[in-house]
């Protein structure tokens, strides 16, 4: 989060270094641009594994919940299963997973 606050300041100083009035700061602008590039690289290297880990954890939770729903449908009595077709069971399971995905997307945003 600290890198997000530094980025606009570095960008502003880089843009200001191209002003003819600030000619002595031109060499400093090149160093700032290099620092900004390094900042982006470090942010990418740190954020990418974290986001991958979060997505992996989310998929594991989704698979676990789907497994629970599937096991619950297997425990239904034969009387109930006679009334419901396989297609209806599949659509119920997918509806539950869609609700889970909607909740997950709302929490991410």
Protein backbone atom coordinates (compact mmCIF):
# COMPACT_ATOMS: atom_id res chain seq x y z
CA UNK A 1 0.00 0.00 0.00
CA UNK A 2 2.90 2.35 0.65
CA UNK A 3 4.04 1.93 -2.94
CA UNK A 4 0.66 3.20 -4.13
CA UNK A 5 1.19 6.48 -2.30
CA UNK A 6 4.77 6.93 -3.54
CA UNK A 7 3.91 6.26 -7.20
CA UNK A 8 1.99 9.53 -7.90
CA UNK A 9 4.67 11.56 -6.17
CA UNK A 10 7.42 9.99 -8.26
CA UNK A 11 5.40 10.46 -11.44
CA UNK A 12 4.80 14.13 -10.61
CA UNK A 13 8.47 14.78 -9.99
CA UNK A 14 9.42 12.98 -13.22
CA UNK A 15 6.99 15.15 -15.19
CA UNK A 16 8.27 18.29 -13.43
CA UNK A 17 11.86 17.43 -14.38
CA UNK A 18 11.01 17.92 -18.07
CA UNK A 19 10.04 21.54 -17.46
CA UNK A 20 12.68 23.91 -18.94
CA UNK A 21 12.68 25.89 -15.70
CA UNK A 22 13.86 22.80 -13.80
CA UNK A 23 16.77 21.90 -16.13
CA UNK A 24 19.19 21.07 -13.27
CA UNK A 25 16.75 18.41 -12.05
CA UNK A 26 16.75 16.61 -15.42
CA UNK A 27 19.33 14.02 -14.32
CA UNK A 28 17.39 13.49 -11.13
CA UNK A 29 14.32 12.70 -13.28
CA UNK A 30 16.12 9.79 -14.88
CA UNK A 31 16.92 8.33 -11.46
CA UNK A 32 13.32 8.82 -10.40
CA UNK A 33 12.14 7.00 -13.52
CA UNK A 34 14.51 4.15 -12.74
CA UNK A 35 13.18 4.07 -9.18
CA UNK A 36 9.61 4.02 -10.47
CA UNK A 37 10.43 1.08 -12.72
CA UNK A 38 12.03 -0.78 -9.82
CA UNK A 39 8.99 0.00 -7.67
CA UNK A 40 6.68 -1.57 -10.27
CA UNK A 41 8.93 -4.62 -10.54
CA UNK A 42 9.07 -5.17 -6.77
CA UNK A 43 5.32 -4.66 -6.45
CA UNK A 44 4.73 -7.23 -9.17
CA UNK A 45 7.10 -9.73 -7.57
CA UNK A 46 5.41 -9.39 -4.18
CA UNK A 47 1.79 -9.12 -5.27
CA UNK A 48 1.69 -11.88 -7.87
CA UNK A 49 2.39 -14.79 -5.47
CA UNK A 50 -0.01 -13.35 -2.90
CA UNK A 51 -2.85 -13.04 -5.41
CA UNK A 52 -2.12 -16.50 -6.78
CA UNK A 53 -2.28 -17.91 -3.25
CA UNK A 54 -5.60 -16.18 -2.58
CA UNK A 55 -7.11 -17.50 -5.80
CA UNK A 56 -5.82 -20.99 -5.02
CA UNK A 57 -7.36 -20.85 -1.54
CA UNK A 58 -10.65 -19.63 -3.00
CA UNK A 59 -10.74 -22.52 -5.44
CA UNK A 60 -10.03 -25.00 -2.63
CA UNK A 61 -12.92 -23.56 -0.61
CA UNK A 62 -15.18 -23.73 -3.66
CA UNK A 63 -14.26 -27.38 -4.29
CA UNK A 64 -14.82 -28.24 -0.62
CA UNK A 65 -18.25 -26.62 -0.63
CA UNK A 66 -19.18 -28.34 -3.89
CA UNK A 67 -18.11 -31.64 -2.33
CA UNK A 68 -20.33 -30.98 0.69
CA UNK A 69 -23.29 -30.19 -1.55
CA UNK A 70 -22.65 -33.34 -3.58
CA UNK A 71 -22.45 -35.51 -0.46
CA UNK A 72 -25.69 -33.97 0.79
CA UNK A 73 -27.45 -34.88 -2.46
CA UNK A 74 -26.20 -38.46 -2.16
CA UNK A 75 -27.87 -38.71 1.26
CA UNK A 76 -31.29 -37.83 -0.16
CA UNK A 77 -33.88 -40.54 0.22
CA UNK A 78 -34.94 -42.59 -2.80
CA UNK A 79 -38.45 -41.11 -2.53
CA UNK A 80 -37.06 -37.62 -3.08
CA UNK A 81 -34.74 -38.81 -5.84
CA UNK A 82 -37.70 -40.36 -7.68
CA UNK A 83 -39.35 -36.93 -7.85
CA UNK A 84 -36.23 -35.06 -9.02
CA UNK A 85 -34.42 -35.74 -12.28
CA UNK A 86 -30.64 -35.73 -12.65
CA UNK A 87 -30.78 -32.51 -14.63
CA UNK A 88 -32.65 -30.77 -11.83
CA UNK A 89 -30.04 -31.91 -9.31
CA UNK A 90 -27.22 -30.64 -11.49
CA UNK A 91 -28.95 -27.28 -11.97
CA UNK A 92 -29.53 -26.97 -8.21
CA UNK A 93 -25.86 -27.67 -7.55
CA UNK A 94 -24.73 -25.17 -10.18
CA UNK A 95 -27.16 -22.58 -8.77
CA UNK A 96 -25.59 -23.00 -5.34
CA UNK A 97 -22.12 -22.60 -6.80
CA UNK A 98 -23.20 -19.50 -8.72
CA UNK A 99 -24.45 -17.97 -5.47
CA UNK A 100 -21.10 -18.77 -3.89
CA UNK A 101 -19.27 -17.11 -6.79
CA UNK A 102 -21.48 -14.01 -6.51
CA UNK A 103 -20.72 -13.69 -2.79
CA UNK A 104 -17.00 -14.16 -3.46
CA UNK A 105 -16.99 -11.50 -6.20
CA UNK A 106 -18.82 -9.02 -3.96
CA UNK A 107 -16.31 -9.50 -1.16
CA UNK A 108 -13.38 -9.02 -3.55
CA UNK A 109 -14.77 -5.78 -4.96
